[in-house]
Amino acid sequence: MIKRIFYILIIIVLGSLITDYVLTIRFSKEPIFTFKEDADKHLKYGLIYKVYINESIDLSDGLEHVSREFYIFNKKVDDVKIMASNFIDAEVIDKTKGECEKILFKFYEDETYKYFLDCKRDIYIKSSGIEYTLEDALNKKIINMDELRLIGLKYLKESK
């Protein structure tokens, strides 16, 4: 009886830690179980990983730039796109021909933010073998902004 309770407790603890890890890496959530963090709350430590969150506002364009770096056992995970590809059935296709004009191009807006590309590009999202324009894919809820970031689309966002 005591062994059974002990095993159940171990399963609950391990399940919680794994859930925390998956939510942090896959969905870019804040870690639930933070064992240590720096004074500015930019570096947070989980059991086997740490997350460096760099949120800055560029005064030249007034947009918020957010980047996250993940480390597992102190080794940097360089390509979140590889991890995301296991979960997201979509890819970004850039069909822009030649150079694009370097102006901020607003491609989407939600209740909280406006989203911009660094120039007007011809971006398509391929999901389940079908290509959609970036705007159509977002409006039809085929993909969301977090998933776009995870599969490699670089964008800027501005608070409304």
N, C-alpha and C. Protein backbone atom coordinates (compact mmCIF):
# COMPACT_ATOMS: atom_id res chain seq x y z
N MET A 1 0.83 -1.19 0.00
CA MET A 1 0.00 0.00 0.00
C MET A 1 0.87 1.25 0.00
N ILE A 2 1.90 1.27 0.85
CA ILE A 2 2.77 2.44 0.91
C ILE A 2 3.57 2.58 -0.38
N LYS A 3 3.99 1.44 -0.95
CA LYS A 3 4.71 1.49 -2.23
C LYS A 3 3.84 2.09 -3.32
N ARG A 4 2.58 1.73 -3.35
CA ARG A 4 1.65 2.24 -4.36
C ARG A 4 1.50 3.76 -4.23
N ILE A 5 1.35 4.25 -3.02
CA ILE A 5 1.24 5.69 -2.78
C ILE A 5 2.53 6.39 -3.19
N PHE A 6 3.65 5.78 -2.85
CA PHE A 6 4.95 6.35 -3.23
C PHE A 6 5.08 6.45 -4.75
N TYR A 7 4.70 5.39 -5.47
CA TYR A 7 4.77 5.39 -6.94
C TYR A 7 3.84 6.45 -7.54
N ILE A 8 2.66 6.57 -6.97
CA ILE A 8 1.72 7.58 -7.46
C ILE A 8 2.28 8.98 -7.27
N LEU A 9 2.89 9.24 -6.12
CA LEU A 9 3.50 10.55 -5.87
C LEU A 9 4.64 10.84 -6.86
N ILE A 10 5.46 9.84 -7.13
CA ILE A 10 6.56 10.01 -8.09
C ILE A 10 6.00 10.32 -9.48
N ILE A 11 4.95 9.61 -9.88
CA ILE A 11 4.32 9.86 -11.19
C ILE A 11 3.75 11.27 -11.26
N ILE A 12 3.11 11.73 -10.21
CA ILE A 12 2.54 13.09 -10.19
C ILE A 12 3.64 14.14 -10.29
N VAL A 13 4.71 13.98 -9.53
CA VAL A 13 5.82 14.94 -9.57
C VAL A 13 6.47 14.96 -10.94
N LEU A 14 6.79 13.80 -11.49
CA LEU A 14 7.41 13.73 -12.81
C LEU A 14 6.47 14.27 -13.89
N GLY A 15 5.20 13.94 -13.81
CA GLY A 15 4.22 14.47 -14.77
C GLY A 15 4.14 15.98 -14.72
N SER A 16 4.18 16.54 -13.52
CA SER A 16 4.15 17.99 -13.39
C SER A 16 5.38 18.65 -13.99
N LEU A 17 6.54 18.07 -13.74
CA LEU A 17 7.77 18.63 -14.30
C LEU A 17 7.81 18.52 -15.82
N ILE A 18 7.36 17.41 -16.36
CA ILE A 18 7.32 17.24 -17.81
C ILE A 18 6.31 18.20 -18.43
N THR A 19 5.16 18.37 -17.81
CA THR A 19 4.16 19.32 -18.30
C THR A 19 4.72 20.73 -18.30
N ASP A 20 5.41 21.12 -17.25
CA ASP A 20 6.04 22.44 -17.17
C ASP A 20 7.03 22.63 -18.31
N TYR A 21 7.85 21.63 -18.56
CA TYR A 21 8.85 21.70 -19.62
C TYR A 21 8.18 21.85 -20.99
N VAL A 22 7.17 21.02 -21.26
CA VAL A 22 6.49 21.07 -22.57
C VAL A 22 5.79 22.41 -22.76
N LEU A 23 5.10 22.90 -21.75
CA LEU A 23 4.42 24.20 -21.88
C LEU A 23 5.41 25.33 -22.11
N THR A 24 6.56 25.27 -21.46
CA THR A 24 7.55 26.32 -21.61
C THR A 24 8.17 26.29 -23.00
N ILE A 25 8.57 25.13 -23.47
CA ILE A 25 9.23 25.02 -24.76
C ILE A 25 8.23 25.13 -25.91
N ARG A 26 7.17 24.38 -25.87
CA ARG A 26 6.25 24.29 -27.01
C ARG A 26 5.35 25.51 -27.14
N PHE A 27 4.80 25.98 -26.03
CA PHE A 27 3.82 27.06 -26.10
C PHE A 27 4.36 28.40 -25.61
N SER A 28 5.64 28.48 -25.36
CA SER A 28 6.29 29.72 -24.93
C SER A 28 5.63 30.32 -23.69
N LYS A 29 5.19 29.48 -22.80
CA LYS A 29 4.61 29.96 -21.54
C LYS A 29 5.72 30.18 -20.53
N GLU A 30 5.41 30.91 -19.49
CA GLU A 30 6.36 31.09 -18.40
C GLU A 30 6.46 29.77 -17.65
N PRO A 31 7.65 29.42 -17.14
CA PRO A 31 7.77 28.18 -16.37
C PRO A 31 6.88 28.19 -15.14
N ILE A 32 6.22 27.08 -14.87
CA ILE A 32 5.37 26.96 -13.68
C ILE A 32 6.24 26.77 -12.45
N PHE A 33 7.20 25.88 -12.57
CA PHE A 33 8.09 25.58 -11.45
C PHE A 33 9.44 26.23 -11.72
N THR A 34 9.64 27.40 -11.17
CA THR A 34 10.90 28.11 -11.33
C THR A 34 11.68 27.93 -10.04
N PHE A 35 12.84 27.31 -10.15
CA PHE A 35 13.65 27.06 -8.98
C PHE A 35 14.55 28.24 -8.65
N LYS A 36 14.82 29.06 -9.66
CA LYS A 36 15.69 30.21 -9.46
C LYS A 36 15.46 31.16 -10.61
N GLU A 37 15.52 32.47 -10.35
CA GLU A 37 15.45 33.45 -11.43
C GLU A 37 16.27 34.67 -11.05
N ASP A 38 16.74 35.38 -12.07
CA ASP A 38 17.56 36.55 -11.78
C ASP A 38 16.66 37.71 -11.34
N ALA A 39 17.28 38.79 -10.90
CA ALA A 39 16.54 39.93 -10.36
C ALA A 39 15.63 40.57 -11.40
N ASP A 40 16.04 40.59 -12.66
CA ASP A 40 15.24 41.19 -13.72
C ASP A 40 14.20 40.24 -14.30
N LYS A 41 14.17 39.01 -13.83
CA LYS A 41 13.27 37.97 -14.29
C LYS A 41 13.44 37.66 -15.77
N HIS A 42 14.67 37.79 -16.27
CA HIS A 42 14.96 37.45 -17.66
C HIS A 42 15.51 36.03 -17.78
N LEU A 43 16.04 35.50 -16.73
CA LEU A 43 16.62 34.16 -16.74
C LEU A 43 15.90 33.32 -15.69
N LYS A 44 15.22 32.27 -16.15
CA LYS A 44 14.45 31.43 -15.25
C LYS A 44 14.94 30.00 -15.39
N TYR A 45 15.07 29.32 -14.26
CA TYR A 45 15.59 27.96 -14.22
C TYR A 45 14.50 26.97 -13.86
N GLY A 46 14.36 25.93 -14.69
CA GLY A 46 13.52 24.79 -14.37
C GLY A 46 14.43 23.69 -13.86
N LEU A 47 13.92 22.47 -13.76
CA LEU A 47 14.72 21.37 -13.24
C LEU A 47 15.87 21.01 -14.19
N ILE A 48 15.59 20.83 -15.48
CA ILE A 48 16.63 20.44 -16.43
C ILE A 48 16.87 21.49 -17.50
N TYR A 49 16.21 22.62 -17.41
CA TYR A 49 16.35 23.62 -18.46
C TYR A 49 16.39 25.01 -17.85
N LYS A 50 16.81 25.96 -18.67
CA LYS A 50 16.68 27.36 -18.29
C LYS A 50 16.21 28.13 -19.51
N VAL A 51 15.50 29.22 -19.27
CA VAL A 51 14.94 30.04 -20.33
C VAL A 51 15.44 31.46 -20.13
N TYR A 52 16.03 32.02 -21.19
CA TYR A 52 16.42 33.42 -21.17
C TYR A 52 15.41 34.17 -22.02
N ILE A 53 14.69 35.10 -21.41
CA ILE A 53 13.65 35.86 -22.10
C ILE A 53 14.14 37.30 -22.25
N ASN A 54 14.27 37.74 -23.49
CA ASN A 54 14.72 39.10 -23.76
C ASN A 54 13.55 39.85 -24.39
N GLU A 55 12.92 40.71 -23.61
CA GLU A 55 11.84 41.53 -24.12
C GLU A 55 12.33 42.97 -24.11
N SER A 56 12.38 43.56 -25.29
CA SER A 56 12.86 44.93 -25.38
C SER A 56 11.98 45.72 -26.33
N ILE A 57 11.96 47.01 -26.13
CA ILE A 57 11.24 47.91 -27.03
C ILE A 57 12.28 48.75 -27.74
N ASP A 58 12.28 48.66 -29.06
CA ASP A 58 13.21 49.42 -29.88
C ASP A 58 12.66 50.83 -30.02
N LEU A 59 13.40 51.80 -29.51
CA LEU A 59 12.92 53.17 -29.54
C LEU A 59 12.85 53.74 -30.95
N SER A 60 13.60 53.18 -31.88
CA SER A 60 13.57 53.71 -33.24
C SER A 60 12.26 53.40 -33.95
N ASP A 61 11.68 52.23 -33.68
CA ASP A 61 10.41 51.91 -34.34
C ASP A 61 9.26 51.74 -33.35
N GLY A 62 9.53 51.79 -32.05
CA GLY A 62 8.48 51.71 -31.03
C GLY A 62 7.85 50.33 -30.89
N LEU A 63 8.46 49.30 -31.48
CA LEU A 63 7.88 47.97 -31.45
C LEU A 63 8.55 47.11 -30.39
N GLU A 64 7.79 46.16 -29.88
CA GLU A 64 8.30 45.24 -28.87
C GLU A 64 8.96 44.05 -29.57
N HIS A 65 10.18 43.76 -29.20
CA HIS A 65 10.92 42.64 -29.75
C HIS A 65 11.11 41.62 -28.63
N VAL A 66 10.64 40.41 -28.84
CA VAL A 66 10.74 39.37 -27.82
C VAL A 66 11.53 38.20 -28.40
N SER A 67 12.54 37.78 -27.67
CA SER A 67 13.27 36.58 -28.08
C SER A 67 13.43 35.69 -26.86
N ARG A 68 13.46 34.40 -27.11
CA ARG A 68 13.64 33.43 -26.05
C ARG A 68 14.75 32.48 -26.46
N GLU A 69 15.62 32.19 -25.52
CA GLU A 69 16.66 31.20 -25.74
C GLU A 69 16.45 30.09 -24.73
N PHE A 70 16.47 28.85 -25.20
CA PHE A 70 16.25 27.71 -24.33
C PHE A 70 17.56 26.94 -24.18
N TYR A 71 17.82 26.51 -22.96
CA TYR A 71 19.00 25.70 -22.67
C TYR A 71 18.53 24.45 -21.95
N ILE A 72 18.97 23.30 -22.43
CA ILE A 72 18.67 22.03 -21.77
C ILE A 72 20.00 21.45 -21.31
N PHE A 73 20.10 21.19 -20.03
CA PHE A 73 21.35 20.76 -19.41
C PHE A 73 22.50 21.69 -19.83
N ASN A 74 22.25 23.00 -19.78
CA ASN A 74 23.21 24.06 -20.12
C ASN A 74 23.69 24.03 -21.57
N LYS A 75 22.98 23.34 -22.43
CA LYS A 75 23.30 23.35 -23.86
C LYS A 75 22.18 24.10 -24.57
N LYS A 76 22.56 25.12 -25.35
CA LYS A 76 21.57 25.95 -26.03
C LYS A 76 20.85 25.15 -27.11
N VAL A 77 19.53 25.28 -27.12
CA VAL A 77 18.72 24.68 -28.17
C VAL A 77 18.64 25.73 -29.26
N ASP A 78 19.40 25.54 -30.33
CA ASP A 78 19.52 26.57 -31.37
C ASP A 78 18.31 26.69 -32.25
N ASP A 79 17.63 25.61 -32.52
CA ASP A 79 16.57 25.68 -33.51
C ASP A 79 15.26 25.18 -32.93
N VAL A 80 14.45 26.13 -32.46
CA VAL A 80 13.14 25.78 -31.93
C VAL A 80 12.25 25.28 -33.06
N LYS A 81 12.56 25.68 -34.30
CA LYS A 81 11.78 25.26 -35.46
C LYS A 81 11.77 23.74 -35.58
N ILE A 82 12.87 23.09 -35.29
CA ILE A 82 12.94 21.63 -35.38
C ILE A 82 11.99 21.01 -34.37
N MET A 83 11.99 21.53 -33.14
CA MET A 83 11.08 21.01 -32.13
C MET A 83 9.64 21.28 -32.51
N ALA A 84 9.37 22.48 -33.03
CA ALA A 84 8.00 22.85 -33.38
C ALA A 84 7.48 22.01 -34.54
N SER A 85 8.37 21.61 -35.44
CA SER A 85 7.91 20.85 -36.60
C SER A 85 7.31 19.52 -36.20
N ASN A 86 7.64 19.03 -35.01
CA ASN A 86 7.03 17.79 -34.53
C ASN A 86 5.57 17.99 -34.14
N PHE A 87 5.15 19.23 -33.88
CA PHE A 87 3.82 19.51 -33.39
C PHE A 87 2.96 20.28 -34.40
N ILE A 88 3.58 21.07 -35.26
CA ILE A 88 2.84 21.97 -36.13
C ILE A 88 2.95 21.48 -37.57
N ASP A 89 1.81 21.23 -38.19
CA ASP A 89 1.79 20.78 -39.58
C ASP A 89 1.68 22.00 -40.50
N ALA A 90 2.73 22.79 -40.57
CA ALA A 90 2.74 23.98 -41.43
C ALA A 90 4.18 24.39 -41.69
N GLU A 91 4.36 25.07 -42.81
CA GLU A 91 5.67 25.64 -43.10
C GLU A 91 5.49 27.00 -43.76
N VAL A 92 6.48 27.85 -43.58
CA VAL A 92 6.47 29.19 -44.16
C VAL A 92 7.16 29.13 -45.51
N ILE A 93 6.50 29.68 -46.52
CA ILE A 93 7.09 29.76 -47.86
C ILE A 93 7.14 31.22 -48.27
N ASP A 94 8.35 31.72 -48.54
CA ASP A 94 8.53 33.11 -48.96
C ASP A 94 8.69 33.13 -50.47
N LYS A 95 7.70 33.68 -51.17
CA LYS A 95 7.72 33.75 -52.63
C LYS A 95 8.08 35.14 -53.13
N THR A 96 8.70 35.93 -52.28
CA THR A 96 9.10 37.28 -52.66
C THR A 96 10.17 37.20 -53.74
N LYS A 97 9.96 37.94 -54.81
CA LYS A 97 10.93 37.96 -55.90
C LYS A 97 11.79 39.21 -55.77
N GLY A 98 13.09 39.04 -55.75
CA GLY A 98 14.01 40.18 -55.64
C GLY A 98 14.00 40.80 -54.26
N GLU A 99 14.49 42.01 -54.21
CA GLU A 99 14.54 42.76 -52.95
C GLU A 99 13.17 43.32 -52.62
N CYS A 100 12.85 43.37 -51.34
CA CYS A 100 11.60 44.01 -50.94
C CYS A 100 11.91 45.35 -50.29
N GLU A 101 10.96 46.24 -50.42
CA GLU A 101 11.13 47.58 -49.88
C GLU A 101 11.16 47.51 -48.35
N LYS A 102 12.14 48.14 -47.75
CA LYS A 102 12.35 48.06 -46.30
C LYS A 102 11.43 49.03 -45.56
N ILE A 103 10.15 48.69 -45.55
CA ILE A 103 9.17 49.44 -44.76
C ILE A 103 8.42 48.44 -43.90
N LEU A 104 7.88 48.89 -42.77
CA LEU A 104 7.10 47.99 -41.93
C LEU A 104 5.77 47.72 -42.62
N PHE A 105 5.44 46.45 -42.76
CA PHE A 105 4.21 46.03 -43.43
C PHE A 105 3.34 45.30 -42.42
N LYS A 106 2.17 45.90 -42.10
CA LYS A 106 1.25 45.28 -41.15
C LYS A 106 0.50 44.16 -41.86
N PHE A 107 0.60 42.94 -41.31
CA PHE A 107 -0.06 41.81 -41.95
C PHE A 107 -1.18 41.20 -41.10
N TYR A 108 -1.27 41.59 -39.82
CA TYR A 108 -2.30 41.01 -38.97
C TYR A 108 -2.49 41.89 -37.75
N GLU A 109 -3.69 41.78 -37.16
CA GLU A 109 -4.01 42.56 -35.98
C GLU A 109 -4.99 41.74 -35.13
N ASP A 110 -4.74 41.70 -33.83
CA ASP A 110 -5.70 41.05 -32.93
C ASP A 110 -6.14 42.06 -31.88
N GLU A 111 -6.75 41.60 -30.81
CA GLU A 111 -7.29 42.52 -29.80
C GLU A 111 -6.19 43.30 -29.08
N THR A 112 -4.99 42.73 -29.01
CA THR A 112 -3.92 43.31 -28.21
C THR A 112 -2.81 43.94 -29.02
N TYR A 113 -2.45 43.32 -30.15
CA TYR A 113 -1.27 43.73 -30.90
C TYR A 113 -1.55 43.92 -32.38
N LYS A 114 -0.65 44.69 -33.00
CA LYS A 114 -0.53 44.77 -34.45
C LYS A 114 0.77 44.07 -34.81
N TYR A 115 0.76 43.27 -35.87
CA TYR A 115 1.93 42.48 -36.25
C TYR A 115 2.46 42.97 -37.60
N PHE A 116 3.79 43.10 -37.67
CA PHE A 116 4.43 43.66 -38.85
C PHE A 116 5.55 42.75 -39.35
N LEU A 117 5.76 42.79 -40.66
CA LEU A 117 6.96 42.22 -41.27
C LEU A 117 7.91 43.38 -41.54
N ASP A 118 9.20 43.09 -41.64
CA ASP A 118 10.17 44.17 -41.85
C ASP A 118 10.11 44.75 -43.26
N CYS A 119 9.45 44.06 -44.18
CA CYS A 119 9.21 44.58 -45.53
C CYS A 119 8.01 43.84 -46.11
N LYS A 120 7.46 44.34 -47.21
CA LYS A 120 6.29 43.70 -47.82
C LYS A 120 6.75 42.48 -48.59
N ARG A 121 6.51 41.32 -47.99
CA ARG A 121 6.93 40.06 -48.60
C ARG A 121 5.70 39.24 -48.98
N ASP A 122 5.90 38.35 -49.92
CA ASP A 122 4.85 37.46 -50.41
C ASP A 122 4.97 36.14 -49.65
N ILE A 123 4.34 36.06 -48.49
CA ILE A 123 4.46 34.91 -47.60
C ILE A 123 3.24 34.00 -47.73
N TYR A 124 3.51 32.71 -47.84
CA TYR A 124 2.46 31.69 -47.88
C TYR A 124 2.71 30.70 -46.76
N ILE A 125 1.62 30.10 -46.29
CA ILE A 125 1.69 29.05 -45.28
C ILE A 125 1.17 27.77 -45.93
N LYS A 126 1.99 26.74 -45.88
CA LYS A 126 1.58 25.44 -46.43
C LYS A 126 1.21 24.53 -45.27
N SER A 127 -0.06 24.09 -45.26
CA SER A 127 -0.55 23.23 -44.20
C SER A 127 -1.37 22.11 -44.83
N SER A 128 -1.06 20.88 -44.48
CA SER A 128 -1.74 19.70 -45.02
C SER A 128 -1.72 19.69 -46.54
N GLY A 129 -0.62 20.16 -47.12
CA GLY A 129 -0.46 20.14 -48.57
C GLY A 129 -1.13 21.30 -49.30
N ILE A 130 -1.80 22.18 -48.59
CA ILE A 130 -2.50 23.31 -49.21
C ILE A 130 -1.78 24.60 -48.85
N GLU A 131 -1.58 25.47 -49.83
CA GLU A 131 -0.94 26.77 -49.59
C GLU A 131 -1.99 27.84 -49.39
N TYR A 132 -1.77 28.65 -48.37
CA TYR A 132 -2.64 29.78 -48.05
C TYR A 132 -1.77 31.03 -47.99
N THR A 133 -2.35 32.18 -48.32
CA THR A 133 -1.61 33.41 -48.05
C THR A 133 -1.51 33.55 -46.54
N LEU A 134 -0.55 34.30 -46.08
CA LEU A 134 -0.35 34.48 -44.64
C LEU A 134 -1.63 35.00 -43.98
N GLU A 135 -2.23 36.01 -44.60
CA GLU A 135 -3.44 36.62 -44.04
C GLU A 135 -4.59 35.61 -43.99
N ASP A 136 -4.78 34.82 -45.06
CA ASP A 136 -5.85 33.82 -45.07
C ASP A 136 -5.63 32.76 -44.00
N ALA A 137 -4.41 32.30 -43.86
CA ALA A 137 -4.11 31.26 -42.87
C ALA A 137 -4.44 31.76 -41.46
N LEU A 138 -4.14 33.01 -41.18
CA LEU A 138 -4.45 33.57 -39.86
C LEU A 138 -5.95 33.79 -39.70
N ASN A 139 -6.60 34.35 -40.70
CA ASN A 139 -8.04 34.64 -40.60
C ASN A 139 -8.87 33.36 -40.53
N LYS A 140 -8.43 32.29 -41.20
CA LYS A 140 -9.17 31.03 -41.18
C LYS A 140 -8.75 30.15 -40.00
N LYS A 141 -7.89 30.68 -39.15
CA LYS A 141 -7.42 30.00 -37.93
C LYS A 141 -6.70 28.67 -38.24
N ILE A 142 -6.01 28.64 -39.38
CA ILE A 142 -5.22 27.47 -39.73
C ILE A 142 -3.94 27.47 -38.90
N ILE A 143 -3.49 28.66 -38.54
CA ILE A 143 -2.28 28.82 -37.74
C ILE A 143 -2.46 30.07 -36.89
N ASN A 144 -1.74 30.14 -35.77
CA ASN A 144 -1.81 31.35 -34.94
C ASN A 144 -0.42 31.99 -34.85
N MET A 145 -0.34 33.12 -34.20
CA MET A 145 0.91 33.90 -34.17
C MET A 145 2.03 33.14 -33.45
N ASP A 146 1.72 32.46 -32.37
CA ASP A 146 2.75 31.69 -31.66
C ASP A 146 3.31 30.58 -32.54
N GLU A 147 2.43 29.90 -33.27
CA GLU A 147 2.89 28.84 -34.16
C GLU A 147 3.73 29.40 -35.29
N LEU A 148 3.35 30.57 -35.81
CA LEU A 148 4.16 31.20 -36.87
C LEU A 148 5.57 31.47 -36.38
N ARG A 149 5.68 31.97 -35.16
CA ARG A 149 7.01 32.24 -34.61
C ARG A 149 7.80 30.95 -34.46
N LEU A 150 7.13 29.90 -34.01
CA LEU A 150 7.81 28.63 -33.79
C LEU A 150 8.29 27.98 -35.08
N ILE A 151 7.58 28.18 -36.18
CA ILE A 151 8.01 27.58 -37.44
C ILE A 151 8.94 28.49 -38.23
N GLY A 152 9.29 29.64 -37.66
CA GLY A 152 10.37 30.41 -38.24
C GLY A 152 10.03 31.76 -38.84
N LEU A 153 8.79 32.23 -38.77
CA LEU A 153 8.47 33.55 -39.32
C LEU A 153 8.92 34.62 -38.33
N LYS A 154 9.75 35.51 -38.79
CA LYS A 154 10.22 36.61 -37.95
C LYS A 154 9.31 37.80 -38.17
N TYR A 155 8.76 38.34 -37.08
CA TYR A 155 7.87 39.48 -37.18
C TYR A 155 8.06 40.38 -35.97
N LEU A 156 7.52 41.57 -36.06
CA LEU A 156 7.55 42.53 -34.97
C LEU A 156 6.11 42.74 -34.51
N LYS A 157 5.94 43.12 -33.26
CA LYS A 157 4.59 43.40 -32.78
C LYS A 157 4.57 44.71 -32.01
N GLU A 158 3.43 45.35 -32.08
CA GLU A 158 3.23 46.65 -31.42
C GLU A 158 1.94 46.60 -30.64
N SER A 159 1.95 47.08 -29.41
CA SER A 159 0.73 47.15 -28.61
C SER A 159 -0.20 48.18 -29.22
N LYS A 160 -1.49 47.89 -29.10
CA LYS A 160 -2.49 48.84 -29.62
C LYS A 160 -2.60 50.02 -28.70
